[in-house]
Amino acid sequence: MKKLMGTFGVAALTSLAGMAQAADDLTLQLKWVTQAQFAGYYVAQDKGFYAEEDLNVTIKPGGPDIAPTQVIAGGGADVTVEWMPAALSAREKGLPLVNIAQPFKSSGMMLTCLKETGVTGPQDFPGRTLGVWFFGNEFPFLSWMSQLGIPTTGGADGVTVLKQGFNVDPLLQKQADCISTMTYNEYWQVIDAGISEDQLITFKYEDQGVATLEDGLYVLEDKLSDPAEVDKLTRFVRASMKGWKWAEENPEEAAMIVLDNDATGAQTEEHQIRMMSEVAKLTAGSNGALDPEDYERTVQSLLSGGSDPVISKHPGDAAWTHVITDAALN
């Protein structure tokens, strides 16, 4: 009996030790489907950077019917990738989202127009039909139009907003004069469809002075009051940024890792390699910490919407924190 108890005791201790060393679970909700836009996270998983931080990370792809803010609000994710306009709008409506890291330094959003429509600048937008993404992606556009003083309700003095699917069909089928595109994705879908670059005119939000922060990492505020959660998030951000910097330096290999994780098989090697090269331009210059000046620029852009701004009041410093990145980068 003594021997059996001794054996049981050793087994129990071994089991407890294994439990103590078990990796912490964390779920990340992406803003869109599996593609190079999120390469840093897939690289961190594939290269073992999360495992090195004792993390078991589940990466959940997004899609046309998935709103990241709704997923995290419902407890379906610990961290979500979201654009700041959508996050701040949701925060003003009562969802206490906080930006804990900002891997993307620059904006990839733009309007792409056919030159044959005669659009040469924003002054030509009135009377036109413009394709706009919704599900939280419309806020940068609405802010821009508000700053220009252009109504989005149609008519000769306003623009007609076409609710654009996540494709480029409205431009190809000439249902819209201009459509929403990203520098790393839809713009190249237009090119691949047989329209040459010299047949297009583009308006990058960055160049128009209305660029807002994209693809930040957000959590619910209460996570930051739990030391165990703060520690887990710190390890997650550290590993994720390691993945992003590896992806920047190895774009082709990073694209292949993304493809390996694409369960749909919808992506192509050529498109993902090109996308990764373009995305690397947007993450370049970021160590993961949110630049307060970039935050303030985004807030002011969203506030300056005339009678219908995206947000009605300044969210203050509670909408972001350096607690996680300060710890992660040290």
C-alpha atoms as a PDB file:
ATOM      1  CA  MET A   1       0.000   0.000   0.000  1.00  0.00           C
ATOM      2  CA  LYS A   2       2.854   2.345   0.890  1.00  0.00           C
ATOM      3  CA  LYS A   3       4.494   1.606  -2.449  1.00  0.00           C
ATOM      4  CA  LEU A   4       1.229   2.221  -4.305  1.00  0.00           C
ATOM      5  CA  MET A   5       0.714   5.503  -2.493  1.00  0.00           C
ATOM      6  CA  GLY A   6       4.251   6.511  -3.322  1.00  0.00           C
ATOM      7  CA  THR A   7       3.731   5.711  -6.982  1.00  0.00           C
ATOM      8  CA  PHE A   8       0.426   7.574  -7.014  1.00  0.00           C
ATOM      9  CA  GLY A   9       2.037  10.540  -5.299  1.00  0.00           C
ATOM     10  CA  VAL A  10       4.792  10.765  -7.911  1.00  0.00           C
ATOM     11  CA  ALA A  11       2.254  10.482 -10.717  1.00  0.00           C
ATOM     12  CA  ALA A  12       0.098  13.204  -9.161  1.00  0.00           C
ATOM     13  CA  LEU A  13       3.058  15.513  -8.749  1.00  0.00           C
ATOM     14  CA  THR A  14       4.117  14.876 -12.329  1.00  0.00           C
ATOM     15  CA  SER A  15       0.589  15.652 -13.516  1.00  0.00           C
ATOM     16  CA  LEU A  16       0.478  18.839 -11.477  1.00  0.00           C
ATOM     17  CA  ALA A  17       3.847  19.912 -12.838  1.00  0.00           C
ATOM     18  CA  GLY A  18       2.576  19.354 -16.364  1.00  0.00           C
ATOM     19  CA  MET A  19      -0.496  21.413 -15.601  1.00  0.00           C
ATOM     20  CA  ALA A  20       1.654  24.214 -14.209  1.00  0.00           C
ATOM     21  CA  GLN A  21       3.626  24.302 -17.436  1.00  0.00           C
ATOM     22  CA  ALA A  22       0.571  24.222 -19.692  1.00  0.00           C
ATOM     23  CA  ALA A  23       0.461  27.056 -22.201  1.00  0.00           C
ATOM     24  CA  ASP A  24      -2.058  29.847 -21.684  1.00  0.00           C
ATOM     25  CA  ASP A  25      -4.896  29.908 -24.190  1.00  0.00           C
ATOM     26  CA  LEU A  26      -5.589  33.088 -26.159  1.00  0.00           C
ATOM     27  CA  THR A  27      -7.984  33.655 -29.050  1.00  0.00           C
ATOM     28  CA  LEU A  28      -7.303  36.290 -31.701  1.00  0.00           C
ATOM     29  CA  GLN A  29     -10.116  37.460 -33.989  1.00  0.00           C
ATOM     30  CA  LEU A  30      -8.906  38.752 -37.352  1.00  0.00           C
ATOM     31  CA  LYS A  31     -10.638  41.544 -39.214  1.00  0.00           C
ATOM     32  CA  TRP A  32     -10.814  39.606 -42.471  1.00  0.00           C
ATOM     33  CA  VAL A  33     -10.089  36.225 -44.044  1.00  0.00           C
ATOM     34  CA  THR A  34      -6.730  34.472 -43.865  1.00  0.00           C
ATOM     35  CA  GLN A  35      -4.333  36.530 -45.971  1.00  0.00           C
ATOM     36  CA  ALA A  36      -0.991  38.332 -45.754  1.00  0.00           C
ATOM     37  CA  GLN A  37      -2.672  41.301 -44.072  1.00  0.00           C
ATOM     38  CA  PHE A  38      -2.313  39.157 -40.923  1.00  0.00           C
ATOM     39  CA  ALA A  39       0.961  37.443 -41.751  1.00  0.00           C
ATOM     40  CA  GLY A  40       2.688  38.441 -38.511  1.00  0.00           C
ATOM     41  CA  TYR A  41       0.298  36.356 -36.432  1.00  0.00           C
ATOM     42  CA  TYR A  42       0.541  33.287 -38.630  1.00  0.00           C
ATOM     43  CA  VAL A  43       4.333  33.591 -38.689  1.00  0.00           C
ATOM     44  CA  ALA A  44       4.435  33.874 -34.887  1.00  0.00           C
ATOM     45  CA  GLN A  45       2.388  30.696 -34.676  1.00  0.00           C
ATOM     46  CA  ASP A  46       4.270  28.792 -37.375  1.00  0.00           C
ATOM     47  CA  LYS A  47       7.745  29.752 -36.142  1.00  0.00           C
ATOM     48  CA  GLY A  48       6.951  28.869 -32.536  1.00  0.00           C
ATOM     49  CA  PHE A  49       7.147  32.435 -31.228  1.00  0.00           C
ATOM     50  CA  TYR A  50       3.864  31.981 -29.352  1.00  0.00           C
ATOM     51  CA  ALA A  51       4.978  28.615 -27.998  1.00  0.00           C
ATOM     52  CA  GLU A  52       8.196  30.223 -26.752  1.00  0.00           C
ATOM     53  CA  GLU A  53       6.005  32.590 -24.736  1.00  0.00           C
ATOM     54  CA  ASP A  54       3.956  29.674 -23.314  1.00  0.00           C
ATOM     55  CA  LEU A  55       0.925  30.630 -25.366  1.00  0.00           C
ATOM     56  CA  ASN A  56      -1.577  28.476 -27.215  1.00  0.00           C
ATOM     57  CA  VAL A  57      -3.027  30.965 -29.690  1.00  0.00           C
ATOM     58  CA  THR A  58      -6.146  30.281 -31.739  1.00  0.00           C
ATOM     59  CA  ILE A  59      -6.397  32.540 -34.787  1.00  0.00           C
ATOM     60  CA  LYS A  60      -9.976  33.010 -35.990  1.00  0.00           C
ATOM     61  CA  PRO A  61     -10.363  34.333 -39.561  1.00  0.00           C
ATOM     62  CA  GLY A  62     -12.939  37.010 -40.232  1.00  0.00           C
ATOM     63  CA  GLY A  63     -15.267  37.338 -43.181  1.00  0.00           C
ATOM     64  CA  PRO A  64     -18.014  39.447 -44.755  1.00  0.00           C
ATOM     65  CA  ASP A  65     -20.516  38.559 -42.032  1.00  0.00           C
ATOM     66  CA  ILE A  66     -18.133  38.818 -39.066  1.00  0.00           C
ATOM     67  CA  ALA A  67     -17.800  42.064 -37.112  1.00  0.00           C
ATOM     68  CA  PRO A  68     -14.733  41.832 -34.850  1.00  0.00           C
ATOM     69  CA  THR A  69     -16.225  44.224 -32.298  1.00  0.00           C
ATOM     70  CA  GLN A  70     -19.290  42.008 -31.953  1.00  0.00           C
ATOM     71  CA  VAL A  71     -17.145  38.885 -31.567  1.00  0.00           C
ATOM     72  CA  ILE A  72     -15.075  40.341 -28.728  1.00  0.00           C
ATOM     73  CA  ALA A  73     -18.170  41.863 -27.114  1.00  0.00           C
ATOM     74  CA  GLY A  74     -19.744  38.419 -27.037  1.00  0.00           C
ATOM     75  CA  GLY A  75     -16.692  36.776 -25.475  1.00  0.00           C
ATOM     76  CA  GLY A  76     -15.638  35.007 -28.669  1.00  0.00           C
ATOM     77  CA  ALA A  77     -12.092  36.394 -28.595  1.00  0.00           C
ATOM     78  CA  ASP A  78      -9.554  37.804 -26.153  1.00  0.00           C
ATOM     79  CA  VAL A  79      -7.964  40.141 -28.700  1.00  0.00           C
ATOM     80  CA  THR A  80      -9.249  41.484 -31.991  1.00  0.00           C
ATOM     81  CA  VAL A  81      -7.664  43.166 -34.993  1.00  0.00           C
ATOM     82  CA  GLU A  82      -9.684  46.275 -35.805  1.00  0.00           C
ATOM     83  CA  TRP A  83      -9.444  49.668 -37.469  1.00  0.00           C
ATOM     84  CA  MET A  84      -9.386  52.522 -34.970  1.00  0.00           C
ATOM     85  CA  PRO A  85     -12.437  54.363 -36.389  1.00  0.00           C
ATOM     86  CA  ALA A  86     -14.605  51.289 -35.816  1.00  0.00           C
ATOM     87  CA  ALA A  87     -13.062  50.701 -32.386  1.00  0.00           C
ATOM     88  CA  LEU A  88     -13.581  54.292 -31.215  1.00  0.00           C
ATOM     89  CA  SER A  89     -17.106  54.367 -32.601  1.00  0.00           C
ATOM     90  CA  ALA A  90     -17.912  51.161 -30.730  1.00  0.00           C
ATOM     91  CA  ARG A  91     -16.306  52.573 -27.582  1.00  0.00           C
ATOM     92  CA  GLU A  92     -18.473  55.677 -27.737  1.00  0.00           C
ATOM     93  CA  LYS A  93     -21.511  53.406 -28.021  1.00  0.00           C
ATOM     94  CA  GLY A  94     -20.538  51.590 -24.812  1.00  0.00           C
ATOM     95  CA  LEU A  95     -18.103  48.816 -25.763  1.00  0.00           C
ATOM     96  CA  PRO A  96     -14.935  49.560 -23.722  1.00  0.00           C
ATOM     97  CA  LEU A  97     -12.294  48.663 -26.319  1.00  0.00           C
ATOM     98  CA  VAL A  98      -8.689  49.617 -25.639  1.00  0.00           C
ATOM     99  CA  ASN A  99      -5.822  49.652 -28.141  1.00  0.00           C
ATOM    100  CA  ILE A 100      -2.907  47.687 -26.641  1.00  0.00           C
ATOM    101  CA  ALA A 101      -0.628  47.664 -29.708  1.00  0.00           C
ATOM    102  CA  GLN A 102      -0.414  49.152 -33.192  1.00  0.00           C
ATOM    103  CA  PRO A 103       1.552  46.946 -35.631  1.00  0.00           C
ATOM    104  CA  PHE A 104       0.404  49.014 -38.660  1.00  0.00           C
ATOM    105  CA  LYS A 105       2.060  52.426 -38.836  1.00  0.00           C
ATOM    106  CA  SER A 106       0.513  53.580 -42.140  1.00  0.00           C
ATOM    107  CA  SER A 107      -2.865  53.340 -43.844  1.00  0.00           C
ATOM    108  CA  GLY A 108      -3.444  51.247 -46.963  1.00  0.00           C
ATOM    109  CA  MET A 109      -6.910  52.575 -47.728  1.00  0.00           C
ATOM    110  CA  MET A 110      -7.756  54.460 -50.907  1.00  0.00           C
ATOM    111  CA  LEU A 111     -10.431  55.183 -53.486  1.00  0.00           C
ATOM    112  CA  THR A 112      -9.706  53.832 -56.939  1.00  0.00           C
ATOM    113  CA  CYS A 113     -11.462  55.424 -59.936  1.00  0.00           C
ATOM    114  CA  LEU A 114     -11.553  54.840 -63.668  1.00  0.00           C
ATOM    115  CA  LYS A 115      -9.960  57.797 -65.446  1.00  0.00           C
ATOM    116  CA  GLU A 116     -12.607  57.584 -68.149  1.00  0.00           C
ATOM    117  CA  THR A 117     -15.192  58.823 -65.633  1.00  0.00           C
ATOM    118  CA  GLY A 118     -13.487  62.217 -65.641  1.00  0.00           C
ATOM    119  CA  VAL A 119     -12.722  62.178 -61.920  1.00  0.00           C
ATOM    120  CA  THR A 120      -9.454  64.055 -61.400  1.00  0.00           C
ATOM    121  CA  GLY A 121      -9.743  65.049 -57.742  1.00  0.00           C
ATOM    122  CA  PRO A 122     -12.101  65.184 -54.736  1.00  0.00           C
ATOM    123  CA  GLN A 123     -13.723  68.262 -56.268  1.00  0.00           C
ATOM    124  CA  ASP A 124     -15.192  65.920 -58.885  1.00  0.00           C
ATOM    125  CA  PHE A 125     -16.873  63.589 -56.362  1.00  0.00           C
ATOM    126  CA  PRO A 126     -20.252  65.399 -56.155  1.00  0.00           C
ATOM    127  CA  GLY A 127     -22.803  63.762 -58.400  1.00  0.00           C
ATOM    128  CA  ARG A 128     -20.801  60.523 -58.513  1.00  0.00           C
ATOM    129  CA  THR A 129     -21.439  57.026 -57.213  1.00  0.00           C
ATOM    130  CA  LEU A 130     -18.744  55.786 -54.851  1.00  0.00           C
ATOM    131  CA  GLY A 131     -18.355  52.240 -53.596  1.00  0.00           C
ATOM    132  CA  VAL A 132     -17.939  52.012 -49.832  1.00  0.00           C
ATOM    133  CA  TRP A 133     -17.381  49.066 -47.507  1.00  0.00           C
ATOM    134  CA  PHE A 134     -19.544  48.890 -44.407  1.00  0.00           C
ATOM    135  CA  PHE A 135     -19.398  46.752 -41.228  1.00  0.00           C
ATOM    136  CA  GLY A 136     -17.265  49.432 -39.549  1.00  0.00           C
ATOM    137  CA  ASN A 137     -15.111  50.138 -42.603  1.00  0.00           C
ATOM    138  CA  GLU A 138     -17.252  53.066 -43.708  1.00  0.00           C
ATOM    139  CA  PHE A 139     -16.135  55.446 -40.959  1.00  0.00           C
ATOM    140  CA  PRO A 140     -12.926  56.764 -42.595  1.00  0.00           C
ATOM    141  CA  PHE A 141     -14.862  57.463 -45.804  1.00  0.00           C
ATOM    142  CA  LEU A 142     -17.737  59.199 -44.022  1.00  0.00           C
ATOM    143  CA  SER A 143     -15.271  61.320 -42.066  1.00  0.00           C
ATOM    144  CA  TRP A 144     -13.487  62.322 -45.275  1.00  0.00           C
ATOM    145  CA  MET A 145     -16.705  63.321 -47.025  1.00  0.00           C
ATOM    146  CA  SER A 146     -17.793  65.303 -43.972  1.00  0.00           C
ATOM    147  CA  GLN A 147     -14.509  67.209 -43.968  1.00  0.00           C
ATOM    148  CA  LEU A 148     -14.981  67.960 -47.666  1.00  0.00           C
ATOM    149  CA  GLY A 149     -18.525  69.133 -46.964  1.00  0.00           C
ATOM    150  CA  ILE A 150     -19.946  66.591 -49.415  1.00  0.00           C
ATOM    151  CA  PRO A 151     -23.262  64.976 -48.383  1.00  0.00           C
ATOM    152  CA  THR A 152     -23.484  61.198 -48.699  1.00  0.00           C
ATOM    153  CA  THR A 153     -27.193  61.229 -49.486  1.00  0.00           C
ATOM    154  CA  GLY A 154     -26.912  61.581 -53.241  1.00  0.00           C
ATOM    155  CA  GLY A 155     -27.955  64.428 -55.468  1.00  0.00           C
ATOM    156  CA  ALA A 156     -25.943  66.791 -57.640  1.00  0.00           C
ATOM    157  CA  ASP A 157     -24.091  68.264 -54.667  1.00  0.00           C
ATOM    158  CA  GLY A 158     -23.507  64.967 -52.893  1.00  0.00           C
ATOM    159  CA  VAL A 159     -22.299  61.463 -53.560  1.00  0.00           C
ATOM    160  CA  THR A 160     -24.365  58.339 -53.941  1.00  0.00           C
ATOM    161  CA  VAL A 161     -22.919  55.663 -51.668  1.00  0.00           C
ATOM    162  CA  LEU A 162     -23.016  52.178 -53.151  1.00  0.00           C
ATOM    163  CA  LYS A 163     -22.733  49.552 -50.419  1.00  0.00           C
ATOM    164  CA  GLN A 164     -19.754  47.728 -51.832  1.00  0.00           C
ATOM    165  CA  GLY A 165     -19.239  44.026 -51.348  1.00  0.00           C
ATOM    166  CA  PHE A 166     -15.723  42.919 -50.534  1.00  0.00           C
ATOM    167  CA  ASN A 167     -14.794  42.755 -54.205  1.00  0.00           C
ATOM    168  CA  VAL A 168     -14.117  45.110 -57.111  1.00  0.00           C
ATOM    169  CA  ASP A 169     -17.153  44.242 -59.235  1.00  0.00           C
ATOM    170  CA  PRO A 170     -18.794  47.706 -59.057  1.00  0.00           C
ATOM    171  CA  LEU A 171     -15.795  49.254 -60.842  1.00  0.00           C
ATOM    172  CA  LEU A 172     -15.416  46.456 -63.377  1.00  0.00           C
ATOM    173  CA  GLN A 173     -19.131  46.550 -64.175  1.00  0.00           C
ATOM    174  CA  LYS A 174     -19.127  50.378 -64.109  1.00  0.00           C
ATOM    175  CA  GLN A 175     -21.763  50.556 -61.400  1.00  0.00           C
ATOM    176  CA  ALA A 176     -19.570  53.042 -59.523  1.00  0.00           C
ATOM    177  CA  ASP A 177     -17.141  55.754 -60.581  1.00  0.00           C
ATOM    178  CA  CYS A 178     -14.788  54.907 -57.727  1.00  0.00           C
ATOM    179  CA  ILE A 179     -14.542  52.048 -55.244  1.00  0.00           C
ATOM    180  CA  SER A 180     -12.823  51.385 -51.952  1.00  0.00           C
ATOM    181  CA  THR A 181      -9.556  49.472 -52.280  1.00  0.00           C
ATOM    182  CA  MET A 182      -6.551  48.627 -50.149  1.00  0.00           C
ATOM    183  CA  THR A 183      -3.041  49.141 -51.502  1.00  0.00           C
ATOM    184  CA  TYR A 184      -2.247  45.508 -50.758  1.00  0.00           C
ATOM    185  CA  ASN A 185      -5.386  43.793 -51.989  1.00  0.00           C
ATOM    186  CA  GLU A 186      -8.315  45.097 -54.049  1.00  0.00           C
ATOM    187  CA  TYR A 187      -6.243  47.522 -56.115  1.00  0.00           C
ATOM    188  CA  TRP A 188      -4.332  44.568 -57.505  1.00  0.00           C
ATOM    189  CA  GLN A 189      -7.561  42.681 -58.132  1.00  0.00           C
ATOM    190  CA  VAL A 190      -8.509  45.527 -60.471  1.00  0.00           C
ATOM    191  CA  ILE A 191      -5.149  45.218 -62.225  1.00  0.00           C
ATOM    192  CA  ASP A 192      -5.481  41.443 -62.461  1.00  0.00           C
ATOM    193  CA  ALA A 193      -8.908  41.937 -64.061  1.00  0.00           C
ATOM    194  CA  GLY A 194      -7.189  43.534 -67.053  1.00  0.00           C
ATOM    195  CA  ILE A 195      -7.351  47.247 -66.268  1.00  0.00           C
ATOM    196  CA  SER A 196      -3.944  48.878 -66.544  1.00  0.00           C
ATOM    197  CA  GLU A 197      -2.574  51.269 -63.934  1.00  0.00           C
ATOM    198  CA  ASP A 198      -2.620  54.173 -66.398  1.00  0.00           C
ATOM    199  CA  GLN A 199      -6.388  53.714 -66.760  1.00  0.00           C
ATOM    200  CA  LEU A 200      -6.848  54.374 -63.055  1.00  0.00           C
ATOM    201  CA  ILE A 201      -6.575  57.293 -60.666  1.00  0.00           C
ATOM    202  CA  THR A 202      -6.205  56.641 -56.959  1.00  0.00           C
ATOM    203  CA  PHE A 203      -6.729  58.764 -53.852  1.00  0.00           C
ATOM    204  CA  LYS A 204      -4.819  57.433 -50.874  1.00  0.00           C
ATOM    205  CA  TYR A 205      -6.291  58.499 -47.569  1.00  0.00           C
ATOM    206  CA  GLU A 206      -2.735  59.182 -46.369  1.00  0.00           C
ATOM    207  CA  ASP A 207      -2.217  61.685 -49.178  1.00  0.00           C
ATOM    208  CA  GLN A 208      -5.561  63.361 -48.494  1.00  0.00           C
ATOM    209  CA  GLY A 209      -4.656  63.995 -44.869  1.00  0.00           C
ATOM    210  CA  VAL A 210      -7.525  61.870 -43.581  1.00  0.00           C
ATOM    211  CA  ALA A 211      -5.727  58.584 -42.951  1.00  0.00           C
ATOM    212  CA  THR A 212      -6.773  56.802 -39.770  1.00  0.00           C
ATOM    213  CA  LEU A 213      -5.046  53.951 -37.975  1.00  0.00           C
ATOM    214  CA  GLU A 214      -5.751  50.441 -39.212  1.00  0.00           C
ATOM    215  CA  ASP A 215      -5.220  46.916 -37.892  1.00  0.00           C
ATOM    216  CA  GLY A 216      -4.517  47.690 -34.240  1.00  0.00           C
ATOM    217  CA  LEU A 217      -4.861  45.113 -31.464  1.00  0.00           C
ATOM    218  CA  TYR A 218      -7.786  45.694 -29.083  1.00  0.00           C
ATOM    219  CA  VAL A 219      -9.032  44.140 -25.863  1.00  0.00           C
ATOM    220  CA  LEU A 220     -11.873  44.871 -23.485  1.00  0.00           C
ATOM    221  CA  GLU A 221     -10.878  47.250 -20.704  1.00  0.00           C
ATOM    222  CA  ASP A 222     -11.405  44.795 -17.848  1.00  0.00           C
ATOM    223  CA  LYS A 223      -8.585  42.577 -19.167  1.00  0.00           C
ATOM    224  CA  LEU A 224      -6.134  45.284 -18.154  1.00  0.00           C
ATOM    225  CA  SER A 225      -7.154  45.176 -14.494  1.00  0.00           C
ATOM    226  CA  ASP A 226      -6.135  41.508 -14.181  1.00  0.00           C
ATOM    227  CA  PRO A 227      -2.350  41.023 -13.720  1.00  0.00           C
ATOM    228  CA  ALA A 228      -2.509  37.513 -15.180  1.00  0.00           C
ATOM    229  CA  GLU A 229      -4.234  38.808 -18.312  1.00  0.00           C
ATOM    230  CA  VAL A 230      -1.762  41.678 -18.623  1.00  0.00           C
ATOM    231  CA  ASP A 231       1.096  39.186 -18.462  1.00  0.00           C
ATOM    232  CA  LYS A 232      -0.531  36.995 -21.113  1.00  0.00           C
ATOM    233  CA  LEU A 233      -1.211  39.946 -23.394  1.00  0.00           C
ATOM    234  CA  THR A 234       2.368  41.150 -22.968  1.00  0.00           C
ATOM    235  CA  ARG A 235       3.701  37.796 -24.115  1.00  0.00           C
ATOM    236  CA  PHE A 236       1.241  37.766 -27.007  1.00  0.00           C
ATOM    237  CA  VAL A 237       2.242  41.210 -28.272  1.00  0.00           C
ATOM    238  CA  ARG A 238       5.951  40.436 -27.925  1.00  0.00           C
ATOM    239  CA  ALA A 239       5.609  37.245 -29.974  1.00  0.00           C
ATOM    240  CA  SER A 240       3.302  38.897 -32.521  1.00  0.00           C
ATOM    241  CA  MET A 241       5.708  41.754 -33.172  1.00  0.00           C
ATOM    242  CA  LYS A 242       8.519  39.244 -33.548  1.00  0.00           C
ATOM    243  CA  GLY A 243       6.335  37.575 -36.177  1.00  0.00           C
ATOM    244  CA  TRP A 244       5.681  40.879 -37.939  1.00  0.00           C
ATOM    245  CA  LYS A 245       9.328  41.849 -38.145  1.00  0.00           C
ATOM    246  CA  TRP A 246      10.215  38.380 -39.435  1.00  0.00           C
ATOM    247  CA  ALA A 247       7.490  38.732 -42.070  1.00  0.00           C
ATOM    248  CA  GLU A 248       8.832  42.133 -43.148  1.00  0.00           C
ATOM    249  CA  GLU A 249      12.292  40.647 -43.660  1.00  0.00           C
ATOM    250  CA  ASN A 250      11.065  37.450 -45.323  1.00  0.00           C
ATOM    251  CA  PRO A 251       7.965  38.424 -47.342  1.00  0.00           C
ATOM    252  CA  GLU A 252       7.907  35.436 -49.689  1.00  0.00           C
ATOM    253  CA  GLU A 253       8.310  32.883 -46.907  1.00  0.00           C
ATOM    254  CA  ALA A 254       5.721  34.730 -44.815  1.00  0.00           C
ATOM    255  CA  ALA A 255       3.266  34.596 -47.715  1.00  0.00           C
ATOM    256  CA  MET A 256       3.783  30.841 -47.990  1.00  0.00           C
ATOM    257  CA  ILE A 257       3.064  30.443 -44.277  1.00  0.00           C
ATOM    258  CA  VAL A 258      -0.199  32.344 -44.790  1.00  0.00           C
ATOM    259  CA  LEU A 259      -1.117  30.053 -47.675  1.00  0.00           C
ATOM    260  CA  ASP A 260      -0.430  27.013 -45.522  1.00  0.00           C
ATOM    261  CA  ASN A 261      -2.979  28.337 -43.036  1.00  0.00           C
ATOM    262  CA  ASP A 262      -5.658  29.166 -45.599  1.00  0.00           C
ATOM    263  CA  ALA A 263      -8.199  26.403 -45.134  1.00  0.00           C
ATOM    264  CA  THR A 264     -10.330  27.706 -48.011  1.00  0.00           C
ATOM    265  CA  GLY A 265      -7.616  27.409 -50.643  1.00  0.00           C
ATOM    266  CA  ALA A 266      -8.965  30.633 -52.154  1.00  0.00           C
ATOM    267  CA  GLN A 267      -5.693  32.550 -52.123  1.00  0.00           C
ATOM    268  CA  THR A 268      -2.969  32.360 -54.760  1.00  0.00           C
ATOM    269  CA  GLU A 269       0.787  32.393 -54.259  1.00  0.00           C
ATOM    270  CA  GLU A 270       1.330  35.366 -56.558  1.00  0.00           C
ATOM    271  CA  HIS A 271      -1.325  37.485 -54.873  1.00  0.00           C
ATOM    272  CA  GLN A 272      -0.167  36.693 -51.338  1.00  0.00           C
ATOM    273  CA  ILE A 273       3.497  37.407 -52.063  1.00  0.00           C
ATOM    274  CA  ARG A 274       2.536  40.733 -53.614  1.00  0.00           C
ATOM    275  CA  MET A 275       0.210  41.478 -50.709  1.00  0.00           C
ATOM    276  CA  MET A 276       2.908  40.730 -48.154  1.00  0.00           C
ATOM    277  CA  SER A 277       5.322  43.078 -49.915  1.00  0.00           C
ATOM    278  CA  GLU A 278       2.727  45.868 -49.767  1.00  0.00           C
ATOM    279  CA  VAL A 279       1.711  45.143 -46.165  1.00  0.00           C
ATOM    280  CA  ALA A 280       5.375  45.303 -45.114  1.00  0.00           C
ATOM    281  CA  LYS A 281       5.356  48.958 -46.207  1.00  0.00           C
ATOM    282  CA  LEU A 282       2.541  49.634 -43.734  1.00  0.00           C
ATOM    283  CA  THR A 283       4.063  47.832 -40.742  1.00  0.00           C
ATOM    284  CA  ALA A 284       7.527  49.304 -41.382  1.00  0.00           C
ATOM    285  CA  GLY A 285       8.476  51.837 -38.726  1.00  0.00           C
ATOM    286  CA  SER A 286       6.270  50.335 -36.028  1.00  0.00           C
ATOM    287  CA  ASN A 287       7.667  48.475 -33.042  1.00  0.00           C
ATOM    288  CA  GLY A 288       4.135  47.759 -31.907  1.00  0.00           C
ATOM    289  CA  ALA A 289       3.672  50.763 -29.621  1.00  0.00           C
ATOM    290  CA  LEU A 290       0.924  53.202 -30.560  1.00  0.00           C
ATOM    291  CA  ASP A 291       2.279  56.634 -31.475  1.00  0.00           C
ATOM    292  CA  PRO A 292       0.176  59.170 -29.502  1.00  0.00           C
ATOM    293  CA  GLU A 293       0.467  61.630 -32.391  1.00  0.00           C
ATOM    294  CA  ASP A 294      -1.010  59.064 -34.788  1.00  0.00           C
ATOM    295  CA  TYR A 295      -3.804  58.438 -32.288  1.00  0.00           C
ATOM    296  CA  GLU A 296      -4.542  62.146 -31.982  1.00  0.00           C
ATOM    297  CA  ARG A 297      -4.513  62.570 -35.771  1.00  0.00           C
ATOM    298  CA  THR A 298      -7.056  59.762 -36.101  1.00  0.00           C
ATOM    299  CA  VAL A 299      -9.278  61.199 -33.376  1.00  0.00           C
ATOM    300  CA  GLN A 300      -9.239  64.682 -34.870  1.00  0.00           C
ATOM    301  CA  SER A 301     -10.079  63.268 -38.297  1.00  0.00           C
ATOM    302  CA  LEU A 302     -13.069  61.430 -36.860  1.00  0.00           C
ATOM    303  CA  LEU A 303     -14.229  64.451 -34.878  1.00  0.00           C
ATOM    304  CA  SER A 304     -14.032  66.889 -37.783  1.00  0.00           C
ATOM    305  CA  GLY A 305     -17.103  65.629 -39.530  1.00  0.00           C
ATOM    306  CA  GLY A 306     -19.260  68.714 -39.416  1.00  0.00           C
ATOM    307  CA  SER A 307     -22.771  67.997 -38.181  1.00  0.00           C
ATOM    308  CA  ASP A 308     -22.337  64.236 -38.456  1.00  0.00           C
ATOM    309  CA  PRO A 309     -18.913  63.228 -37.114  1.00  0.00           C
ATOM    310  CA  VAL A 310     -17.960  59.564 -36.624  1.00  0.00           C
ATOM    311  CA  ILE A 311     -17.455  60.235 -32.903  1.00  0.00           C
ATOM    312  CA  SER A 312     -19.009  63.115 -31.012  1.00  0.00           C
ATOM    313  CA  LYS A 313     -16.395  63.646 -28.300  1.00  0.00           C
ATOM    314  CA  HIS A 314     -12.714  63.013 -27.714  1.00  0.00           C
ATOM    315  CA  PRO A 315     -12.309  59.527 -26.201  1.00  0.00           C
ATOM    316  CA  GLY A 316      -9.310  60.624 -24.137  1.00  0.00           C
ATOM    317  CA  ASP A 317      -6.323  58.504 -23.205  1.00  0.00           C
ATOM    318  CA  ALA A 318      -8.432  55.665 -21.797  1.00  0.00           C
ATOM    319  CA  ALA A 319      -8.921  54.317 -25.330  1.00  0.00           C
ATOM    320  CA  TRP A 320      -5.282  53.209 -25.569  1.00  0.00           C
ATOM    321  CA  THR A 321      -2.445  52.062 -23.352  1.00  0.00           C
ATOM    322  CA  HIS A 322       1.314  51.558 -23.484  1.00  0.00           C
ATOM    323  CA  VAL A 323       1.236  49.182 -20.510  1.00  0.00           C
ATOM    324  CA  ILE A 324       1.435  46.102 -22.709  1.00  0.00           C
ATOM    325  CA  THR A 325       3.962  47.330 -25.260  1.00  0.00           C
ATOM    326  CA  ASP A 326       6.192  48.897 -22.595  1.00  0.00           C
ATOM    327  CA  ALA A 327       6.468  45.504 -20.934  1.00  0.00           C
ATOM    328  CA  ALA A 328       6.681  43.558 -24.192  1.00  0.00           C
ATOM    329  CA  LEU A 329       9.393  45.709 -25.741  1.00  0.00           C
ATOM    330  CA  ASN A 330      11.526  45.678 -22.607  1.00  0.00           C
END
